[in-house]
Amino acid sequence: MPVYISFIGLCIDMTREGSVLSALAEMDSIVEIYTMMQPFDLFVKVSADNMKKLEGAVQDILQVDGVEKSYNFLTVQQKKG
């Protein structure tokens, strides 16, 4: 079964960092969360078994209170790992 992976850079309201991280950590589709120095505040790895679920996961992320902007990087093919 194909796996769809997207990396998403998030700009968040830093006064809500804790609640944003908690909400993201609860989402099954998010497999990794990283804090960043720049240009994003957070970088998340999202995995889904079909494109519709991946799109839904991205929409769920955008609904989290404190998420201000997102930049989605959809992968095409893994080369190492």
PDB file of N, CA and C in Angstrom:
ATOM      1  N   MET A   1       0.855  -1.171   0.000  1.00  0.00           N
ATOM      2  CA  MET A   1       0.000   0.000   0.000  1.00  0.00           C
ATOM      3  C   MET A   1       0.909   1.244   0.000  1.00  0.00           C
ATOM      4  N   PRO A   2       0.655   2.205  -0.891  1.00  0.00           N
ATOM      5  CA  PRO A   2       1.501   3.407  -0.933  1.00  0.00           C
ATOM      6  C   PRO A   2       1.330   4.260   0.322  1.00  0.00           C
ATOM      7  N   VAL A   3       2.392   4.917   0.679  1.00  0.00           N
ATOM      8  CA  VAL A   3       2.372   5.838   1.804  1.00  0.00           C
ATOM      9  C   VAL A   3       2.660   7.225   1.266  1.00  0.00           C
ATOM     10  N   TYR A   4       1.859   8.174   1.666  1.00  0.00           N
ATOM     11  CA  TYR A   4       2.037   9.561   1.256  1.00  0.00           C
ATOM     12  C   TYR A   4       2.637  10.322   2.428  1.00  0.00           C
ATOM     13  N   ILE A   5       3.727  11.025   2.152  1.00  0.00           N
ATOM     14  CA  ILE A   5       4.447  11.773   3.179  1.00  0.00           C
ATOM     15  C   ILE A   5       4.493  13.238   2.787  1.00  0.00           C
ATOM     16  N   SER A   6       4.245  14.082   3.749  1.00  0.00           N
ATOM     17  CA  SER A   6       4.381  15.521   3.546  1.00  0.00           C
ATOM     18  C   SER A   6       5.116  16.097   4.749  1.00  0.00           C
ATOM     19  N   PHE A   7       5.984  17.046   4.490  1.00  0.00           N
ATOM     20  CA  PHE A   7       6.629  17.817   5.540  1.00  0.00           C
ATOM     21  C   PHE A   7       5.980  19.195   5.522  1.00  0.00           C
ATOM     22  N   ILE A   8       5.653  19.708   6.695  1.00  0.00           N
ATOM     23  CA  ILE A   8       4.952  20.983   6.761  1.00  0.00           C
ATOM     24  C   ILE A   8       5.691  21.907   7.714  1.00  0.00           C
ATOM     25  N   GLY A   9       6.102  23.061   7.188  1.00  0.00           N
ATOM     26  CA  GLY A   9       6.689  24.103   8.015  1.00  0.00           C
ATOM     27  C   GLY A   9       5.566  24.978   8.547  1.00  0.00           C
ATOM     28  N   LEU A  10       5.564  25.195   9.851  1.00  0.00           N
ATOM     29  CA  LEU A  10       4.501  25.974  10.476  1.00  0.00           C
ATOM     30  C   LEU A  10       5.056  27.229  11.140  1.00  0.00           C
ATOM     31  N   CYS A  11       4.375  28.318  10.923  1.00  0.00           N
ATOM     32  CA  CYS A  11       4.603  29.545  11.681  1.00  0.00           C
ATOM     33  C   CYS A  11       3.450  29.621  12.675  1.00  0.00           C
ATOM     34  N   ILE A  12       3.798  29.753  13.950  1.00  0.00           N
ATOM     35  CA  ILE A  12       2.763  29.725  14.982  1.00  0.00           C
ATOM     36  C   ILE A  12       2.860  30.966  15.863  1.00  0.00           C
ATOM     37  N   ASP A  13       1.800  31.191  16.608  1.00  0.00           N
ATOM     38  CA  ASP A  13       1.791  32.209  17.658  1.00  0.00           C
ATOM     39  C   ASP A  13       2.582  31.613  18.811  1.00  0.00           C
ATOM     40  N   MET A  14       3.780  32.125  19.060  1.00  0.00           N
ATOM     41  CA  MET A  14       4.676  31.532  20.050  1.00  0.00           C
ATOM     42  C   MET A  14       4.124  31.616  21.471  1.00  0.00           C
ATOM     43  N   THR A  15       3.145  32.477  21.713  1.00  0.00           N
ATOM     44  CA  THR A  15       2.534  32.504  23.045  1.00  0.00           C
ATOM     45  C   THR A  15       1.641  31.286  23.255  1.00  0.00           C
ATOM     46  N   ARG A  16       1.346  30.554  22.173  1.00  0.00           N
ATOM     47  CA  ARG A  16       0.508  29.357  22.247  1.00  0.00           C
ATOM     48  C   ARG A  16       1.291  28.090  21.903  1.00  0.00           C
ATOM     49  N   GLU A  17       2.595  28.162  21.947  1.00  0.00           N
ATOM     50  CA  GLU A  17       3.431  27.033  21.528  1.00  0.00           C
ATOM     51  C   GLU A  17       3.045  25.737  22.233  1.00  0.00           C
ATOM     52  N   GLY A  18       2.880  25.778  23.529  1.00  0.00           N
ATOM     53  CA  GLY A  18       2.547  24.570  24.285  1.00  0.00           C
ATOM     54  C   GLY A  18       1.252  23.929  23.840  1.00  0.00           C
ATOM     55  N   SER A  19       0.220  24.725  23.665  1.00  0.00           N
ATOM     56  CA  SER A  19      -1.075  24.166  23.258  1.00  0.00           C
ATOM     57  C   SER A  19      -1.042  23.684  21.806  1.00  0.00           C
ATOM     58  N   VAL A  20      -0.284  24.379  20.956  1.00  0.00           N
ATOM     59  CA  VAL A  20      -0.143  23.928  19.565  1.00  0.00           C
ATOM     60  C   VAL A  20       0.567  22.578  19.541  1.00  0.00           C
ATOM     61  N   LEU A  21       1.678  22.461  20.271  1.00  0.00           N
ATOM     62  CA  LEU A  21       2.413  21.196  20.315  1.00  0.00           C
ATOM     63  C   LEU A  21       1.544  20.065  20.860  1.00  0.00           C
ATOM     64  N   SER A  22       0.766  20.341  21.883  1.00  0.00           N
ATOM     65  CA  SER A  22      -0.122  19.317  22.450  1.00  0.00           C
ATOM     66  C   SER A  22      -1.157  18.857  21.434  1.00  0.00           C
ATOM     67  N   ALA A  23      -1.755  19.809  20.733  1.00  0.00           N
ATOM     68  CA  ALA A  23      -2.770  19.463  19.734  1.00  0.00           C
ATOM     69  C   ALA A  23      -2.165  18.654  18.597  1.00  0.00           C
ATOM     70  N   LEU A  24      -0.997  19.047  18.131  1.00  0.00           N
ATOM     71  CA  LEU A  24      -0.337  18.322  17.038  1.00  0.00           C
ATOM     72  C   LEU A  24       0.064  16.918  17.478  1.00  0.00           C
ATOM     73  N   ALA A  25       0.557  16.784  18.700  1.00  0.00           N
ATOM     74  CA  ALA A  25       0.996  15.482  19.207  1.00  0.00           C
ATOM     75  C   ALA A  25      -0.160  14.487  19.297  1.00  0.00           C
ATOM     76  N   GLU A  26      -1.380  14.972  19.419  1.00  0.00           N
ATOM     77  CA  GLU A  26      -2.562  14.110  19.499  1.00  0.00           C
ATOM     78  C   GLU A  26      -2.993  13.563  18.135  1.00  0.00           C
ATOM     79  N   MET A  27      -2.501  14.145  17.060  1.00  0.00           N
ATOM     80  CA  MET A  27      -2.934  13.748  15.718  1.00  0.00           C
ATOM     81  C   MET A  27      -2.172  12.510  15.253  1.00  0.00           C
ATOM     82  N   ASP A  28      -2.920  11.451  14.934  1.00  0.00           N
ATOM     83  CA  ASP A  28      -2.314  10.188  14.516  1.00  0.00           C
ATOM     84  C   ASP A  28      -1.485  10.308  13.245  1.00  0.00           C
ATOM     85  N   SER A  29      -1.865  11.199  12.361  1.00  0.00           N
ATOM     86  CA  SER A  29      -1.178  11.316  11.077  1.00  0.00           C
ATOM     87  C   SER A  29       0.183  12.001  11.196  1.00  0.00           C
ATOM     88  N   ILE A  30       0.411  12.709  12.300  1.00  0.00           N
ATOM     89  CA  ILE A  30       1.702  13.376  12.496  1.00  0.00           C
ATOM     90  C   ILE A  30       2.647  12.387  13.163  1.00  0.00           C
ATOM     91  N   VAL A  31       3.754  12.083  12.474  1.00  0.00           N
ATOM     92  CA  VAL A  31       4.684  11.082  12.996  1.00  0.00           C
ATOM     93  C   VAL A  31       5.922  11.712  13.630  1.00  0.00           C
ATOM     94  N   GLU A  32       6.231  12.962  13.292  1.00  0.00           N
ATOM     95  CA  GLU A  32       7.374  13.653  13.887  1.00  0.00           C
ATOM     96  C   GLU A  32       7.080  15.146  13.971  1.00  0.00           C
ATOM     97  N   ILE A  33       7.598  15.784  15.039  1.00  0.00           N
ATOM     98  CA  ILE A  33       7.474  17.238  15.218  1.00  0.00           C
ATOM     99  C   ILE A  33       8.836  17.764  15.642  1.00  0.00           C
ATOM    100  N   TYR A  34       9.292  18.810  14.986  1.00  0.00           N
ATOM    101  CA  TYR A  34      10.572  19.431  15.305  1.00  0.00           C
ATOM    102  C   TYR A  34      10.361  20.920  15.559  1.00  0.00           C
ATOM    103  N   THR A  35      11.070  21.467  16.539  1.00  0.00           N
ATOM    104  CA  THR A  35      11.115  22.918  16.679  1.00  0.00           C
ATOM    105  C   THR A  35      12.239  23.422  15.787  1.00  0.00           C
ATOM    106  N   MET A  36      12.077  24.628  15.269  1.00  0.00           N
ATOM    107  CA  MET A  36      13.031  25.183  14.308  1.00  0.00           C
ATOM    108  C   MET A  36      13.499  26.555  14.771  1.00  0.00           C
ATOM    109  N   MET A  37      14.612  26.987  14.211  1.00  0.00           N
ATOM    110  CA  MET A  37      15.106  28.333  14.489  1.00  0.00           C
ATOM    111  C   MET A  37      14.573  29.327  13.460  1.00  0.00           C
ATOM    112  N   GLN A  38      14.514  28.991  12.222  1.00  0.00           N
ATOM    113  CA  GLN A  38      14.032  29.824  11.121  1.00  0.00           C
ATOM    114  C   GLN A  38      14.000  28.979   9.868  1.00  0.00           C
ATOM    115  N   PRO A  39      13.231  29.165   8.903  1.00  0.00           N
ATOM    116  CA  PRO A  39      12.211  30.192   8.744  1.00  0.00           C
ATOM    117  C   PRO A  39      10.877  29.804   9.372  1.00  0.00           C
ATOM    118  N   PHE A  40      10.791  28.571   9.935  1.00  0.00           N
ATOM    119  CA  PHE A  40       9.550  28.102  10.549  1.00  0.00           C
ATOM    120  C   PHE A  40       9.744  27.975  12.052  1.00  0.00           C
ATOM    121  N   ASP A  41       8.641  27.943  12.771  1.00  0.00           N
ATOM    122  CA  ASP A  41       8.684  27.675  14.204  1.00  0.00           C
ATOM    123  C   ASP A  41       8.672  26.173  14.479  1.00  0.00           C
ATOM    124  N   LEU A  42       7.872  25.447  13.692  1.00  0.00           N
ATOM    125  CA  LEU A  42       7.764  23.995  13.815  1.00  0.00           C
ATOM    126  C   LEU A  42       7.851  23.358  12.438  1.00  0.00           C
ATOM    127  N   PHE A  43       8.334  22.127  12.403  1.00  0.00           N
ATOM    128  CA  PHE A  43       8.399  21.352  11.170  1.00  0.00           C
ATOM    129  C   PHE A  43       7.818  19.987  11.500  1.00  0.00           C
ATOM    130  N   VAL A  44       6.767  19.586  10.802  1.00  0.00           N
ATOM    131  CA  VAL A  44       6.105  18.322  11.105  1.00  0.00           C
ATOM    132  C   VAL A  44       6.151  17.389   9.910  1.00  0.00           C
ATOM    133  N   LYS A  45       6.224  16.102  10.211  1.00  0.00           N
ATOM    134  CA  LYS A  45       6.159  15.062   9.187  1.00  0.00           C
ATOM    135  C   LYS A  45       4.805  14.389   9.314  1.00  0.00           C
ATOM    136  N   VAL A  46       4.080  14.348   8.204  1.00  0.00           N
ATOM    137  CA  VAL A  46       2.732  13.785   8.176  1.00  0.00           C
ATOM    138  C   VAL A  46       2.742  12.578   7.250  1.00  0.00           C
ATOM    139  N   SER A  47       2.084  11.510   7.668  1.00  0.00           N
ATOM    140  CA  SER A  47       2.006  10.294   6.870  1.00  0.00           C
ATOM    141  C   SER A  47       0.554   9.844   6.765  1.00  0.00           C
ATOM    142  N   ALA A  48       0.172   9.391   5.573  1.00  0.00           N
ATOM    143  CA  ALA A  48      -1.186   8.875   5.362  1.00  0.00           C
ATOM    144  C   ALA A  48      -1.135   7.805   4.277  1.00  0.00           C
ATOM    145  N   ASP A  49      -2.125   6.917   4.281  1.00  0.00           N
ATOM    146  CA  ASP A  49      -2.112   5.846   3.282  1.00  0.00           C
ATOM    147  C   ASP A  49      -2.814   6.210   1.979  1.00  0.00           C
ATOM    148  N   ASN A  50      -3.395   7.418   1.915  1.00  0.00           N
ATOM    149  CA  ASN A  50      -3.932   7.906   0.640  1.00  0.00           C
ATOM    150  C   ASN A  50      -3.944   9.437   0.652  1.00  0.00           C
ATOM    151  N   MET A  51      -4.066   9.993  -0.517  1.00  0.00           N
ATOM    152  CA  MET A  51      -3.978  11.448  -0.661  1.00  0.00           C
ATOM    153  C   MET A  51      -5.122  12.168   0.043  1.00  0.00           C
ATOM    154  N   LYS A  52      -6.299  11.589   0.036  1.00  0.00           N
ATOM    155  CA  LYS A  52      -7.448  12.213   0.699  1.00  0.00           C
ATOM    156  C   LYS A  52      -7.195  12.351   2.206  1.00  0.00           C
ATOM    157  N   LYS A  53      -6.650  11.318   2.826  1.00  0.00           N
ATOM    158  CA  LYS A  53      -6.333  11.366   4.257  1.00  0.00           C
ATOM    159  C   LYS A  53      -5.227  12.383   4.526  1.00  0.00           C
ATOM    160  N   LEU A  54      -4.262  12.458   3.629  1.00  0.00           N
ATOM    161  CA  LEU A  54      -3.185  13.438   3.790  1.00  0.00           C
ATOM    162  C   LEU A  54      -3.745  14.854   3.729  1.00  0.00           C
ATOM    163  N   GLU A  55      -4.617  15.112   2.772  1.00  0.00           N
ATOM    164  CA  GLU A  55      -5.238  16.432   2.658  1.00  0.00           C
ATOM    165  C   GLU A  55      -6.059  16.752   3.911  1.00  0.00           C
ATOM    166  N   GLY A  56      -6.754  15.756   4.441  1.00  0.00           N
ATOM    167  CA  GLY A  56      -7.529  15.954   5.661  1.00  0.00           C
ATOM    168  C   GLY A  56      -6.639  16.278   6.853  1.00  0.00           C
ATOM    169  N   ALA A  57      -5.503  15.608   6.925  1.00  0.00           N
ATOM    170  CA  ALA A  57      -4.560  15.866   8.017  1.00  0.00           C
ATOM    171  C   ALA A  57      -4.031  17.291   7.940  1.00  0.00           C
ATOM    172  N   VAL A  58      -3.719  17.744   6.742  1.00  0.00           N
ATOM    173  CA  VAL A  58      -3.232  19.121   6.560  1.00  0.00           C
ATOM    174  C   VAL A  58      -4.307  20.111   7.001  1.00  0.00           C
ATOM    175  N   GLN A  59      -5.546  19.853   6.633  1.00  0.00           N
ATOM    176  CA  GLN A  59      -6.640  20.737   7.043  1.00  0.00           C
ATOM    177  C   GLN A  59      -6.814  20.742   8.560  1.00  0.00           C
ATOM    178  N   ASP A  60      -6.652  19.578   9.190  1.00  0.00           N
ATOM    179  CA  ASP A  60      -6.738  19.504  10.652  1.00  0.00           C
ATOM    180  C   ASP A  60      -5.641  20.350  11.305  1.00  0.00           C
ATOM    181  N   ILE A  61      -4.453  20.304  10.759  1.00  0.00           N
ATOM    182  CA  ILE A  61      -3.335  21.097  11.283  1.00  0.00           C
ATOM    183  C   ILE A  61      -3.656  22.582  11.182  1.00  0.00           C
ATOM    184  N   LEU A  62      -4.216  22.995  10.065  1.00  0.00           N
ATOM    185  CA  LEU A  62      -4.532  24.404   9.854  1.00  0.00           C
ATOM    186  C   LEU A  62      -5.617  24.907  10.802  1.00  0.00           C
ATOM    187  N   GLN A  63      -6.417  24.003  11.346  1.00  0.00           N
ATOM    188  CA  GLN A  63      -7.486  24.390  12.261  1.00  0.00           C
ATOM    189  C   GLN A  63      -7.005  24.555  13.703  1.00  0.00           C
ATOM    190  N   VAL A  64      -5.763  24.168  13.990  1.00  0.00           N
ATOM    191  CA  VAL A  64      -5.251  24.276  15.362  1.00  0.00           C
ATOM    192  C   VAL A  64      -5.098  25.753  15.722  1.00  0.00           C
ATOM    193  N   ASP A  65      -5.688  26.138  16.843  1.00  0.00           N
ATOM    194  CA  ASP A  65      -5.600  27.512  17.315  1.00  0.00           C
ATOM    195  C   ASP A  65      -4.141  27.849  17.615  1.00  0.00           C
ATOM    196  N   GLY A  66      -3.636  28.867  16.962  1.00  0.00           N
ATOM    197  CA  GLY A  66      -2.253  29.275  17.136  1.00  0.00           C
ATOM    198  C   GLY A  66      -1.402  29.031  15.907  1.00  0.00           C
ATOM    199  N   VAL A  67      -1.890  28.208  14.975  1.00  0.00           N
ATOM    200  CA  VAL A  67      -1.181  28.014  13.704  1.00  0.00           C
ATOM    201  C   VAL A  67      -1.537  29.193  12.808  1.00  0.00           C
ATOM    202  N   GLU A  68      -0.513  29.946  12.393  1.00  0.00           N
ATOM    203  CA  GLU A  68      -0.749  31.153  11.606  1.00  0.00           C
ATOM    204  C   GLU A  68      -0.511  30.955  10.116  1.00  0.00           C
ATOM    205  N   LYS A  69       0.478  30.146   9.772  1.00  0.00           N
ATOM    206  CA  LYS A  69       0.834  29.955   8.371  1.00  0.00           C
ATOM    207  C   LYS A  69       1.450  28.583   8.200  1.00  0.00           C
ATOM    208  N   SER A  70       1.250  27.967   7.036  1.00  0.00           N
ATOM    209  CA  SER A  70       1.860  26.665   6.775  1.00  0.00           C
ATOM    210  C   SER A  70       2.445  26.626   5.372  1.00  0.00           C
ATOM    211  N   TYR A  71       3.480  25.833   5.243  1.00  0.00           N
ATOM    212  CA  TYR A  71       4.154  25.609   3.964  1.00  0.00           C
ATOM    213  C   TYR A  71       4.285  24.106   3.800  1.00  0.00           C
ATOM    214  N   ASN A  72       3.592  23.560   2.805  1.00  0.00           N
ATOM    215  CA  ASN A  72       3.496  22.120   2.627  1.00  0.00           C
ATOM    216  C   ASN A  72       4.496  21.648   1.577  1.00  0.00           C
ATOM    217  N   PHE A  73       5.279  20.616   1.942  1.00  0.00           N
ATOM    218  CA  PHE A  73       6.253  20.018   1.035  1.00  0.00           C
ATOM    219  C   PHE A  73       5.867  18.556   0.836  1.00  0.00           C
ATOM    220  N   LEU A  74       5.160  18.261  -0.244  1.00  0.00           N
ATOM    221  CA  LEU A  74       4.717  16.900  -0.535  1.00  0.00           C
ATOM    222  C   LEU A  74       5.866  16.130  -1.179  1.00  0.00           C
ATOM    223  N   THR A  75       6.182  14.960  -0.626  1.00  0.00           N
ATOM    224  CA  THR A  75       7.275  14.173  -1.190  1.00  0.00           C
ATOM    225  C   THR A  75       6.792  13.379  -2.397  1.00  0.00           C
ATOM    226  N   VAL A  76       7.735  13.070  -3.257  1.00  0.00           N
ATOM    227  CA  VAL A  76       7.437  12.282  -4.447  1.00  0.00           C
ATOM    228  C   VAL A  76       8.054  10.897  -4.332  1.00  0.00           C
ATOM    229  N   GLN A  77       9.325  10.833  -3.926  1.00  0.00           N
ATOM    230  CA  GLN A  77      10.009   9.546  -3.822  1.00  0.00           C
ATOM    231  C   GLN A  77      11.115   9.641  -2.804  1.00  0.00           C
ATOM    232  N   GLN A  78      11.192   8.658  -1.924  1.00  0.00           N
ATOM    233  CA  GLN A  78      12.258   8.606  -0.926  1.00  0.00           C
ATOM    234  C   GLN A  78      13.502   8.026  -1.571  1.00  0.00           C
ATOM    235  N   LYS A  79      14.645   8.652  -1.361  1.00  0.00           N
ATOM    236  CA  LYS A  79      15.900   8.214  -1.978  1.00  0.00           C
ATOM    237  C   LYS A  79      16.818   7.510  -1.003  1.00  0.00           C
ATOM    238  N   LYS A  80      16.650   7.742   0.292  1.00  0.00           N
ATOM    239  CA  LYS A  80      17.486   7.104   1.292  1.00  0.00           C
ATOM    240  C   LYS A  80      16.699   6.983   2.584  1.00  0.00           C
ATOM    241  N   GLY A  81      16.893   5.868   3.293  1.00  0.00           N
ATOM    242  CA  GLY A  81      16.262   5.724   4.596  1.00  0.00           C
ATOM    243  C   GLY A  81      15.369   4.564   4.762  1.00  0.00           C
TER     244      GLY A  81
END
